[in-house]
C-alpha atoms as a PDB file:
ATOM      1  CA  ASP A   1     -16.121 -36.509 -47.853  1.00  0.00           C
ATOM      2  CA  PRO A   2     -18.229 -39.079 -45.942  1.00  0.00           C
ATOM      3  CA  GLU A   3     -15.364 -41.555 -45.778  1.00  0.00           C
ATOM      4  CA  ASN A   4     -13.055 -39.094 -44.017  1.00  0.00           C
ATOM      5  CA  ARG A   5     -15.785 -37.704 -41.758  1.00  0.00           C
ATOM      6  CA  GLY A   6     -16.630 -41.263 -40.720  1.00  0.00           C
ATOM      7  CA  GLN A   7     -13.112 -41.608 -39.309  1.00  0.00           C
ATOM      8  CA  ALA A   8     -13.096 -38.208 -37.601  1.00  0.00           C
ATOM      9  CA  THR A   9     -14.071 -37.303 -34.061  1.00  0.00           C
ATOM     10  CA  VAL A  10     -17.379 -35.652 -33.183  1.00  0.00           C
ATOM     11  CA  GLY A  11     -15.432 -32.596 -32.022  1.00  0.00           C
ATOM     12  CA  GLY A  12     -13.591 -32.430 -35.329  1.00  0.00           C
ATOM     13  CA  ASN A  13     -16.876 -32.678 -37.211  1.00  0.00           C
ATOM     14  CA  LEU A  14     -18.155 -29.613 -35.336  1.00  0.00           C
ATOM     15  CA  HIS A  15     -15.399 -27.598 -36.986  1.00  0.00           C
ATOM     16  CA  VAL A  16     -16.362 -28.294 -40.598  1.00  0.00           C
ATOM     17  CA  ALA A  17     -19.403 -27.535 -42.692  1.00  0.00           C
ATOM     18  CA  GLY A  18     -20.950 -30.900 -43.403  1.00  0.00           C
ATOM     19  CA  ASP A  19     -23.192 -33.619 -42.105  1.00  0.00           C
ATOM     20  CA  LEU A  20     -22.927 -33.513 -38.313  1.00  0.00           C
ATOM     21  CA  PRO A  21     -23.289 -29.881 -37.113  1.00  0.00           C
ATOM     22  CA  PRO A  22     -26.961 -29.439 -38.177  1.00  0.00           C
ATOM     23  CA  PRO A  23     -28.241 -32.493 -36.238  1.00  0.00           C
ATOM     24  CA  LEU A  24     -26.235 -31.489 -33.174  1.00  0.00           C
ATOM     25  CA  LEU A  25     -27.689 -27.996 -33.354  1.00  0.00           C
ATOM     26  CA  ALA A  26     -31.267 -29.215 -33.883  1.00  0.00           C
ATOM     27  CA  LEU A  27     -30.933 -31.624 -30.964  1.00  0.00           C
ATOM     28  CA  GLY A  28     -29.898 -28.800 -28.652  1.00  0.00           C
ATOM     29  CA  GLU A  29     -26.675 -30.457 -27.594  1.00  0.00           C
ATOM     30  CA  ARG A  30     -24.439 -28.956 -24.979  1.00  0.00           C
ATOM     31  CA  VAL A  31     -20.681 -28.990 -25.496  1.00  0.00           C
ATOM     32  CA  ARG A  32     -18.138 -29.310 -22.697  1.00  0.00           C
ATOM     33  CA  SER A  33     -14.898 -27.810 -23.967  1.00  0.00           C
ATOM     34  CA  ALA A  34     -11.564 -26.464 -22.799  1.00  0.00           C
ATOM     35  CA  GLY A  35      -9.577 -23.505 -24.030  1.00  0.00           C
ATOM     36  CA  ALA A  36      -7.694 -20.417 -22.942  1.00  0.00           C
ATOM     37  CA  GLY A  37     -10.603 -19.338 -20.721  1.00  0.00           C
ATOM     38  CA  GLY A  38     -10.743 -22.724 -18.995  1.00  0.00           C
ATOM     39  CA  GLU A  39     -13.379 -25.419 -19.161  1.00  0.00           C
ATOM     40  CA  ARG A  40     -17.042 -24.608 -19.865  1.00  0.00           C
ATOM     41  CA  VAL A  41     -20.357 -26.180 -20.844  1.00  0.00           C
ATOM     42  CA  GLU A  42     -22.490 -24.324 -23.395  1.00  0.00           C
ATOM     43  CA  PRO A  43     -25.133 -24.920 -26.061  1.00  0.00           C
ATOM     44  CA  VAL A  44     -23.687 -26.090 -29.361  1.00  0.00           C
ATOM     45  CA  ALA A  45     -24.918 -22.842 -30.977  1.00  0.00           C
ATOM     46  CA  ASP A  46     -22.722 -20.816 -28.597  1.00  0.00           C
ATOM     47  CA  TYR A  47     -19.782 -23.136 -29.205  1.00  0.00           C
ATOM     48  CA  LEU A  48     -20.155 -22.698 -32.973  1.00  0.00           C
ATOM     49  CA  ALA A  49     -20.382 -18.911 -32.562  1.00  0.00           C
ATOM     50  CA  ALA A  50     -17.138 -18.913 -30.556  1.00  0.00           C
ATOM     51  CA  LEU A  51     -15.473 -20.942 -33.311  1.00  0.00           C
ATOM     52  CA  ALA A  52     -16.645 -18.438 -35.919  1.00  0.00           C
ATOM     53  CA  ASP A  53     -15.063 -15.692 -33.800  1.00  0.00           C
ATOM     54  CA  GLY A  54     -11.752 -17.566 -33.926  1.00  0.00           C
ATOM     55  CA  GLU A  55     -11.706 -18.849 -30.346  1.00  0.00           C
ATOM     56  CA  PRO A  56      -9.885 -22.216 -30.293  1.00  0.00           C
ATOM     57  CA  ARG A  57     -11.592 -24.804 -28.069  1.00  0.00           C
ATOM     58  CA  LEU A  58     -11.115 -28.544 -27.551  1.00  0.00           C
ATOM     59  CA  VAL A  59     -14.324 -30.606 -27.301  1.00  0.00           C
ATOM     60  CA  LEU A  60     -14.249 -32.813 -24.206  1.00  0.00           C
ATOM     61  CA  SER A  61     -17.785 -34.229 -24.313  1.00  0.00           C
ATOM     62  CA  LEU A  62     -21.322 -33.696 -25.609  1.00  0.00           C
ATOM     63  CA  GLU A  63     -24.589 -33.821 -23.686  1.00  0.00           C
ATOM     64  CA  VAL A  64     -27.865 -34.469 -25.498  1.00  0.00           C
ATOM     65  CA  GLU A  65     -31.379 -35.429 -24.587  1.00  0.00           C
ATOM     66  CA  ARG A  66     -33.142 -37.893 -26.836  1.00  0.00           C
ATOM     67  CA  PRO A  67     -35.644 -36.055 -29.070  1.00  0.00           C
ATOM     68  CA  LEU A  68     -39.251 -37.123 -29.368  1.00  0.00           C
ATOM     69  CA  ALA A  69     -38.686 -37.514 -33.119  1.00  0.00           C
ATOM     70  CA  GLY A  70     -36.228 -36.394 -35.751  1.00  0.00           C
ATOM     71  CA  ALA A  71     -35.485 -36.309 -39.460  1.00  0.00           C
ATOM     72  CA  TYR A  72     -32.454 -35.578 -41.596  1.00  0.00           C
ATOM     73  CA  VAL A  73     -32.122 -34.756 -45.296  1.00  0.00           C
ATOM     74  CA  VAL A  74     -28.893 -34.310 -47.222  1.00  0.00           C
ATOM     75  CA  GLN A  75     -28.092 -33.118 -50.745  1.00  0.00           C
ATOM     76  CA  ARG A  76     -24.852 -34.536 -52.136  1.00  0.00           C
ATOM     77  CA  ARG A  77     -23.180 -34.801 -55.474  1.00  0.00           C
ATOM     78  CA  ARG A  78     -22.976 -38.322 -56.828  1.00  0.00           C
ATOM     79  CA  HIS A  79     -19.191 -38.582 -56.562  1.00  0.00           C
ATOM     80  CA  SER A  80     -18.354 -40.356 -53.294  1.00  0.00           C
ATOM     81  CA  ARG A  81     -15.488 -38.043 -52.390  1.00  0.00           C
ATOM     82  CA  THR A  82     -17.446 -34.805 -52.635  1.00  0.00           C
ATOM     83  CA  SER A  83     -18.508 -32.626 -49.745  1.00  0.00           C
ATOM     84  CA  THR A  84     -22.149 -32.213 -48.838  1.00  0.00           C
ATOM     85  CA  VAL A  85     -24.026 -29.502 -50.772  1.00  0.00           C
ATOM     86  CA  LEU A  86     -26.828 -28.935 -48.204  1.00  0.00           C
ATOM     87  CA  THR A  87     -27.956 -30.585 -44.969  1.00  0.00           C
ATOM     88  CA  VAL A  88     -31.171 -30.206 -42.995  1.00  0.00           C
ATOM     89  CA  ALA A  89     -31.896 -31.607 -39.539  1.00  0.00           C
ATOM     90  CA  VAL A  90     -35.165 -31.293 -37.635  1.00  0.00           C
ATOM     91  CA  ALA A  91     -35.953 -32.505 -34.131  1.00  0.00           C
ATOM     92  CA  ARG A  92     -39.147 -32.489 -32.121  1.00  0.00           C
ATOM     93  CA  ARG A  93     -38.226 -31.789 -28.517  1.00  0.00           C
ATOM     94  CA  GLU A  94     -40.359 -31.046 -25.471  1.00  0.00           C
ATOM     95  CA  ASP A  95     -40.284 -27.318 -26.303  1.00  0.00           C
ATOM     96  CA  GLY A  96     -41.234 -27.670 -29.989  1.00  0.00           C
ATOM     97  CA  VAL A  97     -39.687 -28.385 -33.385  1.00  0.00           C
ATOM     98  CA  HIS A  98     -36.128 -27.250 -33.986  1.00  0.00           C
ATOM     99  CA  VAL A  99     -34.596 -26.840 -37.435  1.00  0.00           C
ATOM    100  CA  ALA A 100     -30.943 -26.439 -38.428  1.00  0.00           C
ATOM    101  CA  VAL A 101     -29.245 -26.342 -41.816  1.00  0.00           C
ATOM    102  CA  GLY A 102     -25.652 -26.675 -42.911  1.00  0.00           C
ATOM    103  CA  SER A 103     -23.224 -26.667 -45.828  1.00  0.00           C
ATOM    104  CA  LEU A 104     -24.244 -23.147 -46.788  1.00  0.00           C
ATOM    105  CA  ALA A 105     -20.877 -21.853 -48.014  1.00  0.00           C
ATOM    106  CA  GLU A 106     -20.602 -19.553 -45.010  1.00  0.00           C
ATOM    107  CA  LEU A 107     -18.342 -19.428 -41.981  1.00  0.00           C
ATOM    108  CA  ALA A 108     -20.681 -21.249 -39.584  1.00  0.00           C
ATOM    109  CA  PRO A 109     -20.877 -25.044 -40.027  1.00  0.00           C
ATOM    110  CA  ALA A 110     -24.606 -24.907 -39.206  1.00  0.00           C
ATOM    111  CA  VAL A 111     -27.282 -22.364 -38.386  1.00  0.00           C
ATOM    112  CA  ALA A 112     -30.565 -22.591 -36.531  1.00  0.00           C
ATOM    113  CA  CYS A 113     -33.715 -21.598 -38.406  1.00  0.00           C
ATOM    114  CA  PRO A 114     -35.936 -19.615 -36.022  1.00  0.00           C
ATOM    115  CA  SER A 115     -38.112 -18.258 -38.851  1.00  0.00           C
ATOM    116  CA  VAL A 116     -39.088 -21.812 -39.786  1.00  0.00           C
ATOM    117  CA  GLU A 117     -39.631 -22.760 -36.140  1.00  0.00           C
ATOM    118  CA  HIS A 118     -41.853 -19.717 -35.494  1.00  0.00           C
ATOM    119  CA  ALA A 119     -43.909 -20.401 -38.624  1.00  0.00           C
ATOM    120  CA  LEU A 120     -44.483 -23.994 -37.486  1.00  0.00           C
ATOM    121  CA  ALA A 121     -45.450 -22.857 -33.995  1.00  0.00           C
ATOM    122  CA  ALA A 122     -47.965 -20.460 -35.571  1.00  0.00           C
ATOM    123  CA  GLY A 123     -49.595 -23.363 -37.420  1.00  0.00           C
ATOM    124  CA  ALA A 124     -48.016 -23.094 -40.877  1.00  0.00           C
ATOM    125  CA  SER A 125     -47.808 -26.206 -43.022  1.00  0.00           C
ATOM    126  CA  ALA A 126     -44.418 -27.853 -43.546  1.00  0.00           C
ATOM    127  CA  ARG A 127     -44.134 -26.346 -47.053  1.00  0.00           C
ATOM    128  CA  ASP A 128     -45.136 -22.850 -45.950  1.00  0.00           C
ATOM    129  CA  ALA A 129     -42.825 -22.918 -42.922  1.00  0.00           C
ATOM    130  CA  ALA A 130     -39.944 -24.211 -45.056  1.00  0.00           C
ATOM    131  CA  ALA A 131     -40.198 -21.210 -47.357  1.00  0.00           C
ATOM    132  CA  ALA A 132     -39.116 -19.038 -44.413  1.00  0.00           C
ATOM    133  CA  VAL A 133     -35.677 -20.703 -44.275  1.00  0.00           C
ATOM    134  CA  VAL A 134     -34.134 -18.166 -46.652  1.00  0.00           C
ATOM    135  CA  ALA A 135     -34.597 -15.498 -43.954  1.00  0.00           C
ATOM    136  CA  ASP A 136     -32.355 -17.486 -41.590  1.00  0.00           C
ATOM    137  CA  VAL A 137     -29.356 -18.155 -43.815  1.00  0.00           C
ATOM    138  CA  ARG A 138     -26.646 -16.253 -45.605  1.00  0.00           C
ATOM    139  CA  LEU A 139     -26.043 -17.971 -48.923  1.00  0.00           C
ATOM    140  CA  ALA A 140     -22.944 -17.674 -51.075  1.00  0.00           C
ATOM    141  CA  ASP A 141     -21.412 -19.306 -54.116  1.00  0.00           C
ATOM    142  CA  ASP A 142     -18.763 -21.972 -53.666  1.00  0.00           C
ATOM    143  CA  PRO A 143     -17.340 -24.741 -55.875  1.00  0.00           C
ATOM    144  CA  LEU A 144     -20.186 -27.116 -54.919  1.00  0.00           C
ATOM    145  CA  ALA A 145     -23.189 -24.890 -55.626  1.00  0.00           C
ATOM    146  CA  SER A 146     -24.259 -21.335 -56.280  1.00  0.00           C
ATOM    147  CA  ALA A 147     -26.263 -19.226 -53.860  1.00  0.00           C
ATOM    148  CA  TRP A 148     -29.022 -19.183 -56.475  1.00  0.00           C
ATOM    149  CA  TYR A 149     -29.172 -23.011 -56.462  1.00  0.00           C
ATOM    150  CA  ARG A 150     -29.131 -23.253 -52.668  1.00  0.00           C
ATOM    151  CA  ALA A 151     -31.893 -20.633 -52.344  1.00  0.00           C
ATOM    152  CA  ARG A 152     -34.161 -22.784 -54.513  1.00  0.00           C
ATOM    153  CA  VAL A 153     -33.246 -26.221 -53.164  1.00  0.00           C
ATOM    154  CA  LEU A 154     -32.982 -25.463 -49.437  1.00  0.00           C
ATOM    155  CA  PRO A 155     -36.734 -24.774 -48.883  1.00  0.00           C
ATOM    156  CA  VAL A 156     -37.551 -28.040 -50.679  1.00  0.00           C
ATOM    157  CA  LEU A 157     -35.162 -29.990 -48.439  1.00  0.00           C
ATOM    158  CA  VAL A 158     -36.497 -28.324 -45.282  1.00  0.00           C
ATOM    159  CA  ALA A 159     -40.062 -29.201 -46.331  1.00  0.00           C
ATOM    160  CA  ARG A 160     -39.034 -32.831 -46.939  1.00  0.00           C
ATOM    161  CA  ALA A 161     -37.427 -33.077 -43.512  1.00  0.00           C
ATOM    162  CA  LEU A 162     -40.491 -31.541 -41.828  1.00  0.00           C
ATOM    163  CA  GLU A 163     -42.810 -33.891 -43.712  1.00  0.00           C
ATOM    164  CA  ARG A 164     -40.711 -36.886 -42.630  1.00  0.00           C
ATOM    165  CA  LEU A 165     -40.903 -35.633 -39.057  1.00  0.00           C
ATOM    166  CA  GLU A 166     -44.699 -35.414 -39.318  1.00  0.00           C
ATOM    167  CA  GLU A 167     -44.895 -38.904 -40.828  1.00  0.00           C
ATOM    168  CA  GLY A 168     -42.640 -40.323 -38.133  1.00  0.00           C
ATOM    169  CA  ARG A 169     -40.024 -41.523 -40.592  1.00  0.00           C
END
């Protein structure tokens, strides 16, 4: 829940599906970590993939460049001690708009959304690009929400985040 995550470390937050992994992924952060193979610096997407493969790593630091703009949208249940249902983070960086989503009831805490990014680069509207998000995610049922629910709500949340990015909010 938000209260516990607020007391956790950034590295610990990378290991759970929730609020922080999508923004870190959209921002293009690099993670310096240590593990059995020694110390390394890698994009957060590669770090998350290694976690999904069961490779234990300890986060030592994060490197991030400030985005040109960003937006974040979250879907929660009203109860304060409930996990996040869906999260969407978008960032405009020098190389374009990057989109990441989380809390998908899958193994990865967050996933990048290249289908949405390509649609935006091709000139699609925020709503049309957001519809492509279902091609980038693997949805499943969990105690918080069904895959059916997430498939219908996620494009709406992605569109909202993209519209906020366009508006500069």
